[in-house]
Amino acid sequence: MYAGDVAERRGATVHRHSWSTECPHPNEPEVESWVRGEITPVLDAIGGRPLLIGKSRGTNAAAIAAERSLPAVWLTPLLRMPWVAEALRRATAPFLLVGGTADVVWGGDLARRLTPHVLEVEGADHGMYVPGPLTESIAVLSRVVVAVEEFLDAIDWPG
């Protein structure tokens, strides 16, 4: 939500999408085509060159971003899914990857090979929670917002 708020404060119109049907299992390659079926009509209706922001399952839209050369912010991307990693390798537009070292689907080394725009949080799980008091996890959220702001500044978005 906050990543979208960063874009909105820069003058963007945010189109939040909720999945409309039951998703295939996230470890199965079919999930990529399912996400494509969900997201393509939204992108076609919006037109232009929007910024994509996706969390976890939404990172299956990386193939669409690569095909359309769309910049993106991928939160807790499914880097361990080969089709997601391959789509990110094909990307020509800049993208930010945000993940934690305690997330089993994150791969920090791979993330840094894919893009110079990476926020890796030590000890953060798939929900970006870290051990300790809840205030520590709230501080992580602040770091994510700063990373999104800095990424959008670096790519001069919306330019």
N, C-alpha and C. Protein backbone atom coordinates (compact mmCIF):
# COMPACT_ATOMS: atom_id res chain seq x y z
N MET A 1 0.82 -1.19 0.00
CA MET A 1 0.00 0.00 0.00
C MET A 1 0.87 1.26 0.00
N TYR A 2 1.89 1.29 0.85
CA TYR A 2 2.70 2.49 0.94
C TYR A 2 3.50 2.75 -0.33
N ALA A 3 3.92 1.71 -1.02
CA ALA A 3 4.63 1.91 -2.28
C ALA A 3 3.73 2.63 -3.28
N GLY A 4 2.47 2.27 -3.32
CA GLY A 4 1.51 2.97 -4.17
C GLY A 4 1.30 4.40 -3.72
N ASP A 5 1.33 4.61 -2.41
CA ASP A 5 1.18 5.97 -1.88
C ASP A 5 2.34 6.86 -2.32
N VAL A 6 3.55 6.28 -2.39
CA VAL A 6 4.70 7.05 -2.86
C VAL A 6 4.44 7.52 -4.29
N ALA A 7 3.97 6.63 -5.14
CA ALA A 7 3.67 6.99 -6.53
C ALA A 7 2.55 8.04 -6.60
N GLU A 8 1.54 7.84 -5.79
CA GLU A 8 0.41 8.77 -5.79
C GLU A 8 0.84 10.18 -5.38
N ARG A 9 1.71 10.28 -4.42
CA ARG A 9 2.21 11.60 -3.98
C ARG A 9 3.05 12.27 -5.05
N ARG A 10 3.47 11.51 -6.05
CA ARG A 10 4.21 12.06 -7.19
C ARG A 10 3.27 12.40 -8.35
N GLY A 11 1.99 12.34 -8.09
CA GLY A 11 1.02 12.72 -9.11
C GLY A 11 0.44 11.58 -9.91
N ALA A 12 0.82 10.35 -9.60
CA ALA A 12 0.30 9.21 -10.34
C ALA A 12 -1.11 8.87 -9.91
N THR A 13 -1.86 8.32 -10.82
CA THR A 13 -3.14 7.73 -10.49
C THR A 13 -2.87 6.27 -10.19
N VAL A 14 -3.25 5.85 -9.02
CA VAL A 14 -2.97 4.47 -8.61
C VAL A 14 -4.18 3.60 -8.91
N HIS A 15 -3.94 2.50 -9.59
CA HIS A 15 -4.98 1.53 -9.90
C HIS A 15 -4.67 0.26 -9.11
N ARG A 16 -5.28 0.12 -7.96
CA ARG A 16 -5.03 -1.06 -7.12
C ARG A 16 -5.85 -2.23 -7.67
N HIS A 17 -5.23 -3.37 -7.73
CA HIS A 17 -5.90 -4.54 -8.28
C HIS A 17 -5.99 -5.63 -7.22
N SER A 18 -7.14 -6.23 -7.10
CA SER A 18 -7.32 -7.40 -6.25
C SER A 18 -7.59 -8.59 -7.16
N TRP A 19 -7.02 -9.71 -6.80
CA TRP A 19 -7.20 -10.91 -7.62
C TRP A 19 -8.69 -11.26 -7.67
N SER A 20 -9.17 -11.59 -8.87
CA SER A 20 -10.60 -11.80 -9.05
C SER A 20 -11.02 -13.26 -8.92
N THR A 21 -10.08 -14.17 -9.06
CA THR A 21 -10.41 -15.59 -8.98
C THR A 21 -9.36 -16.31 -8.14
N GLU A 22 -9.63 -17.56 -7.87
CA GLU A 22 -8.68 -18.39 -7.11
C GLU A 22 -7.41 -18.58 -7.93
N CYS A 23 -6.30 -18.37 -7.30
CA CYS A 23 -4.99 -18.46 -7.96
C CYS A 23 -4.47 -19.89 -7.95
N PRO A 24 -3.77 -20.28 -9.02
CA PRO A 24 -3.05 -21.56 -8.97
C PRO A 24 -1.99 -21.50 -7.87
N HIS A 25 -1.48 -22.63 -7.48
CA HIS A 25 -0.44 -22.66 -6.46
C HIS A 25 0.75 -21.81 -6.92
N PRO A 26 1.29 -20.96 -6.04
CA PRO A 26 2.36 -20.05 -6.46
C PRO A 26 3.65 -20.72 -6.89
N ASN A 27 3.82 -22.00 -6.59
CA ASN A 27 5.03 -22.72 -7.02
C ASN A 27 4.88 -23.36 -8.38
N GLU A 28 3.72 -23.23 -9.00
CA GLU A 28 3.46 -23.84 -10.30
C GLU A 28 3.58 -22.80 -11.41
N PRO A 29 4.23 -23.13 -12.53
CA PRO A 29 4.41 -22.17 -13.61
C PRO A 29 3.10 -21.58 -14.15
N GLU A 30 1.98 -22.30 -13.97
CA GLU A 30 0.69 -21.79 -14.48
C GLU A 30 0.31 -20.46 -13.83
N VAL A 31 0.87 -20.16 -12.68
CA VAL A 31 0.52 -18.93 -11.98
C VAL A 31 0.92 -17.71 -12.83
N GLU A 32 1.98 -17.83 -13.62
CA GLU A 32 2.41 -16.71 -14.45
C GLU A 32 1.33 -16.34 -15.48
N SER A 33 0.78 -17.34 -16.16
CA SER A 33 -0.27 -17.03 -17.15
C SER A 33 -1.54 -16.56 -16.46
N TRP A 34 -1.83 -17.07 -15.27
CA TRP A 34 -2.99 -16.61 -14.51
C TRP A 34 -2.84 -15.13 -14.17
N VAL A 35 -1.66 -14.73 -13.67
CA VAL A 35 -1.41 -13.32 -13.36
C VAL A 35 -1.51 -12.49 -14.64
N ARG A 36 -0.96 -12.99 -15.74
CA ARG A 36 -1.05 -12.27 -17.02
C ARG A 36 -2.52 -12.00 -17.38
N GLY A 37 -3.36 -13.02 -17.21
CA GLY A 37 -4.78 -12.85 -17.51
C GLY A 37 -5.46 -11.82 -16.62
N GLU A 38 -4.98 -11.69 -15.40
CA GLU A 38 -5.54 -10.71 -14.47
C GLU A 38 -5.05 -9.30 -14.77
N ILE A 39 -3.77 -9.16 -15.10
CA ILE A 39 -3.14 -7.84 -15.20
C ILE A 39 -3.23 -7.23 -16.59
N THR A 40 -3.17 -8.02 -17.63
CA THR A 40 -3.16 -7.48 -18.99
C THR A 40 -4.36 -6.57 -19.27
N PRO A 41 -5.59 -6.96 -18.93
CA PRO A 41 -6.71 -6.05 -19.20
C PRO A 41 -6.59 -4.71 -18.43
N VAL A 42 -6.04 -4.76 -17.24
CA VAL A 42 -5.85 -3.53 -16.47
C VAL A 42 -4.86 -2.62 -17.18
N LEU A 43 -3.72 -3.19 -17.59
CA LEU A 43 -2.72 -2.38 -18.28
C LEU A 43 -3.23 -1.86 -19.62
N ASP A 44 -3.97 -2.68 -20.34
CA ASP A 44 -4.53 -2.23 -21.61
C ASP A 44 -5.49 -1.07 -21.41
N ALA A 45 -6.27 -1.12 -20.36
CA ALA A 45 -7.24 -0.03 -20.08
C ALA A 45 -6.53 1.25 -19.66
N ILE A 46 -5.44 1.12 -18.93
CA ILE A 46 -4.70 2.30 -18.47
C ILE A 46 -3.94 2.95 -19.62
N GLY A 47 -3.27 2.12 -20.42
CA GLY A 47 -2.46 2.64 -21.51
C GLY A 47 -1.19 3.30 -20.99
N GLY A 48 -0.42 3.84 -21.91
CA GLY A 48 0.80 4.52 -21.53
C GLY A 48 1.87 3.57 -21.02
N ARG A 49 2.72 4.12 -20.17
CA ARG A 49 3.85 3.35 -19.62
C ARG A 49 3.81 3.45 -18.10
N PRO A 50 2.88 2.73 -17.48
CA PRO A 50 2.74 2.83 -16.02
C PRO A 50 3.87 2.14 -15.28
N LEU A 51 4.00 2.51 -14.03
CA LEU A 51 4.89 1.84 -13.09
C LEU A 51 4.12 0.68 -12.50
N LEU A 52 4.70 -0.52 -12.54
CA LEU A 52 4.07 -1.67 -11.91
C LEU A 52 4.62 -1.81 -10.49
N ILE A 53 3.73 -2.09 -9.55
CA ILE A 53 4.13 -2.40 -8.19
C ILE A 53 3.44 -3.70 -7.82
N GLY A 54 4.21 -4.69 -7.44
CA GLY A 54 3.63 -5.97 -7.10
C GLY A 54 4.33 -6.58 -5.91
N LYS A 55 3.58 -7.34 -5.15
CA LYS A 55 4.13 -8.06 -4.01
C LYS A 55 3.94 -9.55 -4.24
N SER A 56 4.98 -10.30 -3.98
CA SER A 56 4.93 -11.75 -3.98
C SER A 56 4.31 -12.29 -5.26
N ARG A 57 3.09 -12.81 -5.18
CA ARG A 57 2.42 -13.40 -6.35
C ARG A 57 2.40 -12.42 -7.52
N GLY A 58 2.26 -11.15 -7.23
CA GLY A 58 2.22 -10.13 -8.29
C GLY A 58 3.49 -10.04 -9.10
N THR A 59 4.61 -10.56 -8.55
CA THR A 59 5.86 -10.51 -9.31
C THR A 59 5.83 -11.44 -10.52
N ASN A 60 4.80 -12.26 -10.62
CA ASN A 60 4.61 -13.04 -11.83
C ASN A 60 4.26 -12.16 -13.02
N ALA A 61 4.01 -10.88 -12.78
CA ALA A 61 3.78 -9.92 -13.86
C ALA A 61 5.10 -9.39 -14.42
N ALA A 62 6.23 -9.90 -13.92
CA ALA A 62 7.53 -9.45 -14.42
C ALA A 62 7.68 -9.71 -15.92
N ALA A 63 7.07 -10.77 -16.42
CA ALA A 63 7.15 -11.05 -17.86
C ALA A 63 6.43 -9.95 -18.66
N ILE A 64 5.30 -9.50 -18.17
CA ILE A 64 4.57 -8.41 -18.83
C ILE A 64 5.40 -7.14 -18.79
N ALA A 65 6.00 -6.85 -17.62
CA ALA A 65 6.84 -5.67 -17.49
C ALA A 65 8.00 -5.74 -18.48
N ALA A 66 8.60 -6.92 -18.63
CA ALA A 66 9.72 -7.07 -19.58
C ALA A 66 9.25 -6.86 -21.01
N GLU A 67 8.12 -7.45 -21.37
CA GLU A 67 7.61 -7.32 -22.74
C GLU A 67 7.25 -5.89 -23.09
N ARG A 68 6.72 -5.15 -22.12
CA ARG A 68 6.25 -3.78 -22.37
C ARG A 68 7.25 -2.72 -21.93
N SER A 69 8.40 -3.15 -21.46
CA SER A 69 9.45 -2.25 -20.97
C SER A 69 8.89 -1.27 -19.92
N LEU A 70 8.25 -1.85 -18.90
CA LEU A 70 7.66 -1.05 -17.84
C LEU A 70 8.55 -1.07 -16.60
N PRO A 71 8.77 0.10 -15.99
CA PRO A 71 9.50 0.11 -14.72
C PRO A 71 8.65 -0.55 -13.65
N ALA A 72 9.31 -1.07 -12.61
CA ALA A 72 8.55 -1.80 -11.60
C ALA A 72 9.22 -1.75 -10.23
N VAL A 73 8.37 -1.95 -9.24
CA VAL A 73 8.80 -2.15 -7.86
C VAL A 73 8.26 -3.51 -7.46
N TRP A 74 9.15 -4.45 -7.14
CA TRP A 74 8.75 -5.80 -6.78
C TRP A 74 9.08 -6.03 -5.31
N LEU A 75 8.05 -6.17 -4.51
CA LEU A 75 8.18 -6.38 -3.07
C LEU A 75 8.09 -7.88 -2.78
N THR A 76 9.04 -8.39 -2.04
CA THR A 76 9.16 -9.82 -1.75
C THR A 76 8.95 -10.68 -3.00
N PRO A 77 9.75 -10.41 -4.03
CA PRO A 77 9.58 -11.14 -5.29
C PRO A 77 9.89 -12.62 -5.14
N LEU A 78 9.25 -13.40 -5.97
CA LEU A 78 9.42 -14.85 -5.95
C LEU A 78 10.65 -15.24 -6.77
N LEU A 79 11.81 -14.81 -6.32
CA LEU A 79 13.05 -15.01 -7.08
C LEU A 79 13.43 -16.47 -7.24
N ARG A 80 12.95 -17.33 -6.36
CA ARG A 80 13.27 -18.76 -6.45
C ARG A 80 12.43 -19.48 -7.51
N MET A 81 11.42 -18.80 -8.05
CA MET A 81 10.63 -19.37 -9.14
C MET A 81 11.36 -19.05 -10.44
N PRO A 82 11.81 -20.06 -11.18
CA PRO A 82 12.65 -19.81 -12.36
C PRO A 82 12.02 -18.89 -13.40
N TRP A 83 10.71 -18.96 -13.57
CA TRP A 83 10.06 -18.13 -14.58
C TRP A 83 10.06 -16.66 -14.17
N VAL A 84 10.02 -16.37 -12.88
CA VAL A 84 10.08 -14.98 -12.41
C VAL A 84 11.50 -14.45 -12.62
N ALA A 85 12.50 -15.22 -12.21
CA ALA A 85 13.89 -14.79 -12.39
C ALA A 85 14.21 -14.57 -13.86
N GLU A 86 13.74 -15.46 -14.72
CA GLU A 86 13.99 -15.32 -16.15
C GLU A 86 13.32 -14.07 -16.71
N ALA A 87 12.11 -13.80 -16.29
CA ALA A 87 11.42 -12.58 -16.74
C ALA A 87 12.19 -11.34 -16.30
N LEU A 88 12.70 -11.34 -15.09
CA LEU A 88 13.47 -10.20 -14.61
C LEU A 88 14.77 -10.04 -15.40
N ARG A 89 15.36 -11.13 -15.80
CA ARG A 89 16.58 -11.06 -16.63
C ARG A 89 16.30 -10.39 -17.97
N ARG A 90 15.09 -10.56 -18.49
CA ARG A 90 14.72 -9.99 -19.79
C ARG A 90 14.33 -8.52 -19.70
N ALA A 91 14.16 -8.00 -18.51
CA ALA A 91 13.67 -6.62 -18.34
C ALA A 91 14.67 -5.62 -18.92
N THR A 92 14.12 -4.63 -19.60
CA THR A 92 14.94 -3.53 -20.11
C THR A 92 14.68 -2.24 -19.34
N ALA A 93 13.55 -2.15 -18.67
CA ALA A 93 13.25 -0.99 -17.84
C ALA A 93 13.77 -1.25 -16.43
N PRO A 94 14.11 -0.20 -15.71
CA PRO A 94 14.62 -0.40 -14.34
C PRO A 94 13.56 -0.94 -13.40
N PHE A 95 14.03 -1.68 -12.40
CA PHE A 95 13.11 -2.19 -11.38
C PHE A 95 13.84 -2.28 -10.05
N LEU A 96 13.05 -2.17 -8.98
CA LEU A 96 13.53 -2.28 -7.60
C LEU A 96 13.08 -3.62 -7.04
N LEU A 97 13.99 -4.31 -6.37
CA LEU A 97 13.66 -5.55 -5.68
C LEU A 97 13.82 -5.32 -4.18
N VAL A 98 12.81 -5.74 -3.41
CA VAL A 98 12.81 -5.58 -1.96
C VAL A 98 12.54 -6.94 -1.34
N GLY A 99 13.44 -7.40 -0.47
CA GLY A 99 13.24 -8.67 0.18
C GLY A 99 14.05 -8.80 1.44
N GLY A 100 13.83 -9.91 2.12
CA GLY A 100 14.51 -10.15 3.39
C GLY A 100 15.27 -11.46 3.38
N THR A 101 16.32 -11.51 4.18
CA THR A 101 17.18 -12.69 4.19
C THR A 101 16.51 -13.92 4.81
N ALA A 102 15.42 -13.73 5.56
CA ALA A 102 14.71 -14.88 6.15
C ALA A 102 13.53 -15.34 5.29
N ASP A 103 13.42 -14.81 4.09
CA ASP A 103 12.35 -15.18 3.16
C ASP A 103 12.87 -16.28 2.25
N VAL A 104 12.22 -17.44 2.26
CA VAL A 104 12.71 -18.58 1.48
C VAL A 104 12.63 -18.37 -0.03
N VAL A 105 11.82 -17.43 -0.50
CA VAL A 105 11.73 -17.19 -1.95
C VAL A 105 12.64 -16.05 -2.41
N TRP A 106 13.33 -15.42 -1.49
CA TRP A 106 14.26 -14.33 -1.80
C TRP A 106 15.63 -14.92 -2.10
N GLY A 107 16.38 -14.23 -2.91
CA GLY A 107 17.77 -14.59 -3.18
C GLY A 107 18.55 -13.31 -3.36
N GLY A 108 19.23 -12.89 -2.33
CA GLY A 108 19.94 -11.61 -2.36
C GLY A 108 21.01 -11.54 -3.43
N ASP A 109 21.79 -12.60 -3.59
CA ASP A 109 22.83 -12.60 -4.62
C ASP A 109 22.22 -12.46 -6.01
N LEU A 110 21.16 -13.21 -6.26
CA LEU A 110 20.47 -13.12 -7.55
C LEU A 110 19.89 -11.72 -7.73
N ALA A 111 19.26 -11.18 -6.71
CA ALA A 111 18.67 -9.84 -6.81
C ALA A 111 19.73 -8.83 -7.24
N ARG A 112 20.91 -8.88 -6.63
CA ARG A 112 21.97 -7.92 -6.95
C ARG A 112 22.54 -8.14 -8.35
N ARG A 113 22.44 -9.35 -8.86
CA ARG A 113 22.87 -9.60 -10.25
C ARG A 113 21.84 -9.07 -11.25
N LEU A 114 20.58 -9.04 -10.84
CA LEU A 114 19.50 -8.62 -11.75
C LEU A 114 19.36 -7.10 -11.88
N THR A 115 19.64 -6.38 -10.80
CA THR A 115 19.41 -4.94 -10.79
C THR A 115 20.29 -4.26 -9.76
N PRO A 116 20.68 -3.02 -10.02
CA PRO A 116 21.41 -2.26 -9.00
C PRO A 116 20.48 -1.71 -7.91
N HIS A 117 19.19 -1.82 -8.13
CA HIS A 117 18.19 -1.27 -7.22
C HIS A 117 17.65 -2.39 -6.32
N VAL A 118 18.27 -2.56 -5.15
CA VAL A 118 17.91 -3.65 -4.24
C VAL A 118 17.87 -3.12 -2.81
N LEU A 119 16.81 -3.48 -2.09
CA LEU A 119 16.79 -3.31 -0.64
C LEU A 119 16.66 -4.71 -0.05
N GLU A 120 17.70 -5.13 0.63
CA GLU A 120 17.68 -6.42 1.32
C GLU A 120 17.72 -6.14 2.82
N VAL A 121 16.75 -6.69 3.54
CA VAL A 121 16.65 -6.46 4.97
C VAL A 121 17.05 -7.72 5.72
N GLU A 122 18.08 -7.58 6.52
CA GLU A 122 18.59 -8.70 7.31
C GLU A 122 17.51 -9.21 8.26
N GLY A 123 17.24 -10.52 8.19
CA GLY A 123 16.30 -11.16 9.10
C GLY A 123 14.84 -11.00 8.75
N ALA A 124 14.51 -10.25 7.71
CA ALA A 124 13.10 -10.05 7.35
C ALA A 124 12.54 -11.28 6.64
N ASP A 125 11.30 -11.64 7.00
CA ASP A 125 10.63 -12.78 6.38
C ASP A 125 9.80 -12.30 5.19
N HIS A 126 8.95 -13.17 4.67
CA HIS A 126 8.17 -12.84 3.48
C HIS A 126 7.19 -11.69 3.70
N GLY A 127 6.79 -11.46 4.93
CA GLY A 127 5.94 -10.31 5.25
C GLY A 127 6.74 -9.08 5.62
N MET A 128 8.05 -9.16 5.51
CA MET A 128 9.00 -8.11 5.88
C MET A 128 8.99 -7.83 7.38
N TYR A 129 8.61 -8.84 8.14
CA TYR A 129 8.72 -8.76 9.60
C TYR A 129 10.10 -9.24 10.02
N VAL A 130 10.66 -8.58 11.02
CA VAL A 130 11.95 -8.99 11.57
C VAL A 130 11.75 -9.43 13.01
N PRO A 131 12.66 -10.24 13.54
CA PRO A 131 12.54 -10.65 14.93
C PRO A 131 12.62 -9.45 15.88
N GLY A 132 12.02 -9.62 17.03
CA GLY A 132 12.08 -8.57 18.04
C GLY A 132 10.77 -7.82 18.16
N PRO A 133 10.82 -6.68 18.83
CA PRO A 133 9.60 -5.88 19.01
C PRO A 133 8.98 -5.48 17.66
N LEU A 134 7.67 -5.34 17.64
CA LEU A 134 6.96 -4.97 16.41
C LEU A 134 7.48 -3.65 15.84
N THR A 135 7.95 -2.77 16.69
CA THR A 135 8.47 -1.49 16.21
C THR A 135 9.66 -1.69 15.26
N GLU A 136 10.38 -2.80 15.41
CA GLU A 136 11.48 -3.10 14.49
C GLU A 136 10.94 -3.36 13.08
N SER A 137 9.82 -4.06 12.99
CA SER A 137 9.20 -4.33 11.68
C SER A 137 8.59 -3.07 11.10
N ILE A 138 8.06 -2.22 11.94
CA ILE A 138 7.53 -0.94 11.46
C ILE A 138 8.67 -0.10 10.88
N ALA A 139 9.84 -0.16 11.50
CA ALA A 139 11.01 0.55 10.98
C ALA A 139 11.39 0.01 9.60
N VAL A 140 11.21 -1.29 9.38
CA VAL A 140 11.49 -1.88 8.06
C VAL A 140 10.56 -1.26 7.02
N LEU A 141 9.30 -1.09 7.36
CA LEU A 141 8.36 -0.46 6.43
C LEU A 141 8.85 0.93 6.03
N SER A 142 9.36 1.67 6.97
CA SER A 142 9.92 2.99 6.67
C SER A 142 11.08 2.88 5.68
N ARG A 143 11.93 1.87 5.86
CA ARG A 143 13.05 1.67 4.95
C ARG A 143 12.56 1.33 3.54
N VAL A 144 11.48 0.58 3.45
CA VAL A 144 10.92 0.23 2.14
C VAL A 144 10.40 1.49 1.44
N VAL A 145 9.70 2.32 2.17
CA VAL A 145 9.19 3.58 1.59
C VAL A 145 10.34 4.43 1.08
N VAL A 146 11.39 4.57 1.87
CA VAL A 146 12.56 5.35 1.45
C VAL A 146 13.18 4.73 0.20
N ALA A 147 13.30 3.42 0.15
CA ALA A 147 13.87 2.75 -1.02
C ALA A 147 13.05 3.01 -2.27
N VAL A 148 11.73 2.98 -2.14
CA VAL A 148 10.86 3.26 -3.29
C VAL A 148 11.04 4.71 -3.73
N GLU A 149 11.06 5.63 -2.79
CA GLU A 149 11.26 7.04 -3.14
C GLU A 149 12.60 7.25 -3.85
N GLU A 150 13.66 6.66 -3.31
CA GLU A 150 14.98 6.81 -3.91
C GLU A 150 15.05 6.16 -5.30
N PHE A 151 14.39 5.03 -5.46
CA PHE A 151 14.35 4.38 -6.77
C PHE A 151 13.64 5.27 -7.79
N LEU A 152 12.49 5.80 -7.42
CA LEU A 152 11.75 6.65 -8.36
C LEU A 152 12.52 7.93 -8.67
N ASP A 153 13.26 8.46 -7.69
CA ASP A 153 14.13 9.60 -7.96
C ASP A 153 15.22 9.20 -8.96
N ALA A 154 15.83 8.03 -8.74
CA ALA A 154 16.94 7.59 -9.60
C ALA A 154 16.51 7.38 -11.04
N ILE A 155 15.28 6.93 -11.25
CA ILE A 155 14.84 6.69 -12.63
C ILE A 155 14.03 7.87 -13.17
N ASP A 156 13.96 8.95 -12.38
CA ASP A 156 13.23 10.16 -12.76
C ASP A 156 11.79 9.85 -13.16
N TRP A 157 11.11 9.15 -12.24
CA TRP A 157 9.73 8.78 -12.49
C TRP A 157 8.81 9.66 -11.66
N PRO A 158 7.75 10.20 -12.22
CA PRO A 158 7.19 9.87 -13.53
C PRO A 158 7.82 10.58 -14.70
N GLY A 159 8.80 11.43 -14.51
CA GLY A 159 9.57 12.02 -15.59
C GLY A 159 8.76 12.73 -16.54
